[in-house]
Amino acid sequence: MKRIALYLALLVLLTLGASGHETFVRPISGWSNPGEVVYLPLGSGHATANVELPEGIVNFTVSGPSGEIVLDGQGEISGFWDIYKLSDVEAGLYTADVYHCEGSWTHFITNPPAEGYWEHQSAEDIDFESLNKTGWADDWYVERSYLKNCYAKAFVAVGGDVDFAPASEPIGQELEIVPLDDITTVGDGEFSFQVLFKGEPISGLDVWATRVGDDTPVEGVTDDEGKVSLNLTDSSELSEWIVRTDTKMDPRVVEAVDLPRGPLSAEKSYVGPVYRAALTLRSDYLAEY
């Protein structure tokens, strides 16, 4: 229990000094004994720092070794973390599957080229006539408006004889990062992934991995098969990575439309959903760790 409390305290320290809007699961350990409680903190932020509770719609499920749902419920709040836990787990590989939606965001450029602000609603719900445009330039416009869909995934191994092959199989997230290599080799060097969008490989998406304790990203771009290889070499005793991808304003997902804008603006606005995915991998999935 002391180890759990110490780890949670460390997680809180890692939340300081950052801001962000991405969702991720940070298991307290990648491995557990059968019958023990498995803790699965859910947070939101940039890089590996958690700076806010994931608010809005949160669907957090965990599937067991046979694919059965063993957790589908609410967590307990601790600081900026929403902590989910499994009790009396049996041996096997467990997969945390998270969908988080905090609603829509619209970004105005009030004084081009860069100055602007965010509205926490979609463009179609905004009353443009009633907006206070004091100080806005005559060429103001809406840069983008989107519903934000965040997906997160993580694994925990229980017991000493675990089949890790299911970790390399898709679980059906709309935007999903699938680890193609054995997840027990994380930290040993190059590691391959495949990114799927609505079940199909998607090319040209940026994928980046950030090691907990070092926010310098390792980056790549998916090929025609949605695949990418990242160098996850890490000699630390414990290696933990958060791998991310984001559809951003990809024209295959959003469209350029005409929205209300300043009289001197001819700018189009990018409207459509944004999908973000985060996969957490660790180096302590094996019982002998």
Protein backbone atom coordinates (compact mmCIF):
# COMPACT_ATOMS: atom_id res chain seq x y z
CA MET A 1 0.00 0.00 0.00
CA LYS A 2 2.91 2.34 0.74
CA ARG A 3 4.24 1.70 -2.78
CA ILE A 4 0.86 2.72 -4.26
CA ALA A 5 0.74 5.93 -2.19
CA LEU A 6 4.31 6.83 -3.15
CA TYR A 7 3.58 6.28 -6.83
CA LEU A 8 0.45 8.46 -6.70
CA ALA A 9 2.47 11.21 -5.03
CA LEU A 10 5.01 10.99 -7.85
CA LEU A 11 2.24 11.21 -10.44
CA VAL A 12 0.97 14.41 -8.82
CA LEU A 13 4.45 15.95 -8.94
CA LEU A 14 4.66 15.15 -12.64
CA THR A 15 1.50 17.19 -13.30
CA LEU A 16 3.11 20.52 -12.45
CA GLY A 17 4.10 23.10 -15.03
CA ALA A 18 2.16 21.97 -18.09
CA SER A 19 -1.19 22.29 -19.78
CA GLY A 20 -2.95 20.04 -22.22
CA HIS A 21 -5.99 18.23 -23.52
CA GLU A 22 -4.99 14.64 -24.26
CA THR A 23 -6.21 11.58 -22.36
CA PHE A 24 -4.09 8.65 -21.20
CA VAL A 25 -4.03 5.70 -18.79
CA ARG A 26 -0.96 5.31 -16.54
CA PRO A 27 -1.10 1.88 -14.83
CA ILE A 28 0.75 1.95 -11.54
CA SER A 29 2.42 -1.30 -12.57
CA GLY A 30 2.54 -3.37 -15.72
CA TRP A 31 2.38 -6.58 -13.71
CA SER A 32 0.40 -7.87 -10.75
CA ASN A 33 -0.02 -11.01 -8.70
CA PRO A 34 -3.34 -12.81 -9.07
CA GLY A 35 -5.80 -11.62 -6.46
CA GLU A 36 -4.15 -8.23 -5.99
CA VAL A 37 -5.80 -4.90 -6.74
CA VAL A 38 -4.80 -3.37 -10.10
CA TYR A 39 -4.80 0.45 -10.18
CA LEU A 40 -5.42 2.28 -13.47
CA PRO A 41 -5.16 6.09 -13.14
CA LEU A 42 -6.73 8.11 -15.97
CA GLY A 43 -5.44 11.60 -16.64
CA SER A 44 -5.34 14.38 -19.23
CA GLY A 45 -2.48 16.60 -20.38
CA HIS A 46 0.35 17.12 -22.85
CA ALA A 47 3.44 14.89 -22.98
CA THR A 48 3.37 12.69 -19.84
CA ALA A 49 2.17 15.31 -17.34
CA ASN A 50 -1.39 15.19 -16.04
CA VAL A 51 -2.86 18.65 -15.41
CA GLU A 52 -6.63 18.20 -15.36
CA LEU A 53 -9.38 15.71 -14.71
CA PRO A 54 -10.86 14.19 -17.86
CA GLU A 55 -14.28 15.87 -17.82
CA GLY A 56 -17.32 15.19 -19.93
CA ILE A 57 -18.12 11.72 -21.23
CA VAL A 58 -15.72 9.00 -20.04
CA ASN A 59 -16.25 5.35 -20.94
CA PHE A 60 -13.64 3.21 -19.19
CA THR A 61 -13.73 -0.54 -19.71
CA VAL A 62 -11.25 -3.32 -19.05
CA SER A 63 -11.33 -6.65 -20.87
CA GLY A 64 -9.86 -9.82 -19.42
CA PRO A 65 -7.85 -12.69 -20.91
CA SER A 66 -10.88 -14.21 -22.66
CA GLY A 67 -12.11 -10.87 -23.98
CA GLU A 68 -14.77 -10.56 -21.31
CA ILE A 69 -15.50 -7.15 -19.78
CA VAL A 70 -14.29 -7.19 -16.18
CA LEU A 71 -14.69 -3.47 -15.44
CA ASP A 72 -17.20 -0.96 -16.76
CA GLY A 73 -17.79 1.79 -14.25
CA GLN A 74 -16.62 4.96 -12.55
CA GLY A 75 -13.30 5.71 -10.92
CA GLU A 76 -12.36 7.52 -7.74
CA ILE A 77 -10.98 11.06 -7.89
CA SER A 78 -7.50 11.69 -6.44
CA GLY A 79 -6.13 15.13 -7.34
CA PHE A 80 -6.19 15.38 -11.13
CA TRP A 81 -6.44 11.60 -11.50
CA ASP A 82 -9.54 9.49 -12.02
CA ILE A 83 -8.42 6.14 -10.60
CA TYR A 84 -10.04 2.91 -11.70
CA LYS A 85 -9.23 -0.39 -10.05
CA LEU A 86 -9.68 -4.11 -10.57
CA SER A 87 -10.03 -6.44 -7.60
CA ASP A 88 -9.39 -10.19 -7.30
CA VAL A 89 -8.04 -10.51 -10.83
CA GLU A 90 -7.09 -13.88 -12.29
CA ALA A 91 -4.01 -14.62 -14.36
CA GLY A 92 -3.81 -13.25 -17.90
CA LEU A 93 -3.51 -10.04 -19.92
CA TYR A 94 -5.91 -7.17 -19.19
CA THR A 95 -6.59 -4.30 -21.60
CA ALA A 96 -7.87 -0.88 -20.52
CA ASP A 97 -10.00 0.73 -23.24
CA VAL A 98 -11.01 4.37 -22.79
CA TYR A 99 -13.16 6.79 -24.77
CA HIS A 100 -13.25 10.39 -23.57
CA CYS A 101 -15.17 13.32 -25.06
CA GLU A 102 -15.20 16.73 -23.40
CA GLY A 103 -17.37 18.29 -26.10
CA SER A 104 -16.66 20.69 -28.95
CA TRP A 105 -14.14 23.51 -29.30
CA THR A 106 -14.05 26.45 -31.71
CA HIS A 107 -10.95 28.59 -32.26
CA PHE A 108 -11.35 32.19 -33.37
CA ILE A 109 -8.48 34.17 -34.89
CA THR A 110 -9.53 37.61 -33.72
CA ASN A 111 -6.43 39.50 -34.84
CA PRO A 112 -4.64 37.64 -37.62
CA PRO A 113 -2.28 36.05 -38.10
CA ALA A 114 -2.24 34.43 -34.65
CA GLU A 115 -4.08 36.18 -31.81
CA GLY A 116 -7.32 34.47 -30.85
CA TYR A 117 -9.34 32.59 -28.26
CA TRP A 118 -11.32 29.37 -27.75
CA GLU A 119 -15.04 28.82 -27.29
CA HIS A 120 -16.09 25.57 -25.62
CA GLN A 121 -18.86 24.80 -28.10
CA SER A 122 -19.26 23.96 -31.76
CA ALA A 123 -19.52 26.64 -34.43
CA GLU A 124 -23.09 25.61 -35.25
CA ASP A 125 -24.13 26.38 -31.66
CA ILE A 126 -22.47 29.80 -31.50
CA ASP A 127 -24.59 32.95 -31.91
CA PHE A 128 -22.12 34.96 -33.98
CA GLU A 129 -24.29 38.08 -33.90
CA SER A 130 -24.15 38.30 -30.11
CA LEU A 131 -20.37 37.84 -29.82
CA ASN A 132 -18.53 40.79 -28.28
CA LYS A 133 -16.12 41.63 -31.09
CA THR A 134 -14.59 44.69 -29.44
CA GLY A 135 -10.94 44.89 -30.48
CA TRP A 136 -11.30 42.32 -33.23
CA ALA A 137 -9.68 43.05 -36.58
CA ASP A 138 -11.85 43.34 -39.69
CA ASP A 139 -10.33 40.13 -41.02
CA TRP A 140 -11.20 37.89 -38.05
CA TYR A 141 -12.32 34.36 -38.80
CA VAL A 142 -12.94 30.92 -37.32
CA GLU A 143 -9.81 28.83 -37.77
CA ARG A 144 -11.37 25.49 -36.77
CA SER A 145 -14.28 23.92 -34.94
CA TYR A 146 -14.35 20.30 -33.86
CA LEU A 147 -15.76 17.66 -31.58
CA LYS A 148 -12.81 16.13 -29.73
CA ASN A 149 -12.72 12.35 -29.45
CA CYS A 150 -9.94 10.89 -27.31
CA TYR A 151 -9.03 7.22 -27.03
CA ALA A 152 -6.59 5.63 -24.60
CA LYS A 153 -5.29 2.11 -24.13
CA ALA A 154 -3.00 0.30 -21.70
CA PHE A 155 -2.13 -3.24 -20.62
CA VAL A 156 -1.55 -5.04 -17.33
CA ALA A 157 -0.25 -8.61 -17.04
CA VAL A 158 -1.37 -10.74 -14.10
CA GLY A 159 0.52 -13.87 -13.08
CA GLY A 160 3.57 -15.52 -14.54
CA ASP A 161 2.31 -17.35 -17.63
CA VAL A 162 0.67 -14.67 -19.77
CA ASP A 163 -0.21 -14.72 -23.46
CA PHE A 164 0.82 -11.31 -24.78
CA ALA A 165 -0.30 -11.92 -28.38
CA PRO A 166 -3.72 -10.23 -27.87
CA ALA A 167 -1.90 -6.93 -27.23
CA SER A 168 -1.10 -6.83 -30.97
CA GLU A 169 -4.75 -7.18 -31.98
CA PRO A 170 -7.08 -4.18 -32.51
CA ILE A 171 -9.80 -3.63 -29.92
CA GLY A 172 -12.02 -1.46 -32.13
CA GLN A 173 -11.25 2.12 -31.13
CA GLU A 174 -12.10 4.63 -33.88
CA LEU A 175 -8.49 5.83 -33.88
CA GLU A 176 -6.21 3.15 -32.51
CA ILE A 177 -2.50 2.52 -32.11
CA VAL A 178 -1.76 -1.20 -32.31
CA PRO A 179 1.65 -2.44 -31.05
CA LEU A 180 2.98 -4.90 -33.62
CA ASP A 181 5.99 -6.09 -31.62
CA ASP A 182 5.99 -8.04 -28.36
CA ILE A 183 5.10 -5.49 -25.68
CA THR A 184 7.53 -7.17 -23.26
CA THR A 185 10.40 -5.82 -25.43
CA VAL A 186 9.56 -2.14 -24.82
CA GLY A 187 12.79 -0.24 -24.17
CA ASP A 188 14.98 -2.64 -26.17
CA GLY A 189 15.14 -0.59 -29.39
CA GLU A 190 12.98 -0.11 -32.48
CA PHE A 191 9.30 -0.87 -31.94
CA SER A 192 6.66 -1.11 -34.67
CA PHE A 193 3.09 0.12 -34.56
CA GLN A 194 0.09 0.27 -36.86
CA VAL A 195 -2.46 3.08 -36.74
CA LEU A 196 -6.05 2.28 -37.67
CA PHE A 197 -8.80 4.80 -38.36
CA LYS A 198 -12.26 3.25 -38.18
CA GLY A 199 -10.67 -0.16 -38.58
CA GLU A 200 -8.54 0.64 -41.62
CA PRO A 201 -4.82 1.56 -41.88
CA ILE A 202 -4.30 5.31 -42.28
CA SER A 203 -1.24 6.84 -43.88
CA GLY A 204 0.46 10.16 -43.26
CA LEU A 205 -0.40 10.55 -39.57
CA ASP A 206 2.22 11.83 -37.15
CA VAL A 207 2.98 9.36 -34.36
CA TRP A 208 5.17 10.28 -31.42
CA ALA A 209 6.29 8.56 -28.23
CA THR A 210 7.27 10.30 -25.03
CA ARG A 211 9.11 8.55 -22.21
CA VAL A 212 7.91 9.32 -18.71
CA GLY A 213 10.66 11.42 -17.14
CA ASP A 214 11.84 12.84 -20.48
CA ASP A 215 9.35 14.78 -22.60
CA THR A 216 11.55 14.76 -25.71
CA PRO A 217 9.38 13.02 -28.35
CA VAL A 218 10.48 10.22 -30.65
CA GLU A 219 8.61 10.87 -33.90
CA GLY A 220 7.54 9.12 -37.07
CA VAL A 221 4.86 9.16 -39.81
CA THR A 222 2.64 6.25 -40.81
CA ASP A 223 3.26 4.66 -44.22
CA ASP A 224 0.68 3.40 -46.72
CA GLU A 225 -0.09 0.46 -44.41
CA GLY A 226 -0.52 2.71 -41.41
CA LYS A 227 2.74 1.41 -39.97
CA VAL A 228 5.53 3.28 -38.23
CA SER A 229 8.64 2.30 -36.28
CA LEU A 230 9.92 4.31 -33.32
CA ASN A 231 13.16 3.96 -31.40
CA LEU A 232 12.09 3.25 -27.80
CA THR A 233 15.59 2.42 -26.56
CA ASP A 234 15.84 3.05 -22.83
CA SER A 235 18.38 1.59 -20.40
CA SER A 236 16.41 2.65 -17.32
CA GLU A 237 15.33 -0.03 -14.87
CA LEU A 238 11.71 0.90 -15.62
CA SER A 239 10.75 2.27 -19.01
CA GLU A 240 7.29 3.78 -19.53
CA TRP A 241 6.16 5.39 -22.77
CA ILE A 242 3.03 7.16 -23.98
CA VAL A 243 2.61 6.80 -27.75
CA ARG A 244 0.21 9.21 -29.45
CA THR A 245 -1.36 10.10 -32.76
CA ASP A 246 -3.88 12.75 -33.81
CA THR A 247 -5.94 13.34 -36.96
CA LYS A 248 -5.65 17.12 -36.38
CA MET A 249 -7.15 18.98 -39.34
CA ASP A 250 -6.64 16.11 -41.77
CA PRO A 251 -8.74 16.85 -44.90
CA ARG A 252 -9.81 13.20 -44.97
CA VAL A 253 -11.65 13.84 -41.69
CA VAL A 254 -12.63 17.53 -41.70
CA GLU A 255 -13.77 19.91 -44.42
CA ALA A 256 -13.15 23.56 -45.26
CA VAL A 257 -16.38 25.56 -45.06
CA ASP A 258 -17.57 29.15 -45.03
CA LEU A 259 -18.50 30.42 -41.55
CA PRO A 260 -19.27 33.97 -40.42
CA ARG A 261 -16.09 36.07 -40.56
CA GLY A 262 -14.87 39.64 -40.69
CA PRO A 263 -15.68 41.77 -43.76
CA LEU A 264 -12.05 41.72 -44.91
CA SER A 265 -11.52 37.99 -44.43
CA ALA A 266 -11.75 35.33 -47.12
CA GLU A 267 -10.54 32.51 -44.88
CA LYS A 268 -12.21 29.12 -44.86
CA SER A 269 -12.89 27.35 -41.57
CA TYR A 270 -11.99 23.73 -40.89
CA VAL A 271 -14.94 21.88 -39.39
CA GLY A 272 -15.24 18.26 -38.37
CA PRO A 273 -14.29 15.84 -35.62
CA VAL A 274 -10.80 15.39 -34.25
CA TYR A 275 -9.58 11.98 -33.11
CA ARG A 276 -6.70 11.45 -30.71
CA ALA A 277 -5.25 8.19 -29.46
CA ALA A 278 -2.78 7.37 -26.70
CA LEU A 279 -1.17 4.00 -25.99
CA THR A 280 0.78 3.44 -22.78
CA LEU A 281 3.54 0.84 -22.78
CA ARG A 282 5.82 -0.28 -19.96
CA SER A 283 8.84 -2.55 -19.49
CA ASP A 284 7.57 -4.39 -16.40
CA TYR A 285 4.99 -6.80 -17.84
CA LEU A 286 6.97 -9.90 -16.88
CA ALA A 287 6.77 -11.57 -13.48
CA GLU A 288 10.56 -11.62 -13.06
CA TYR A 289 10.79 -7.85 -13.38
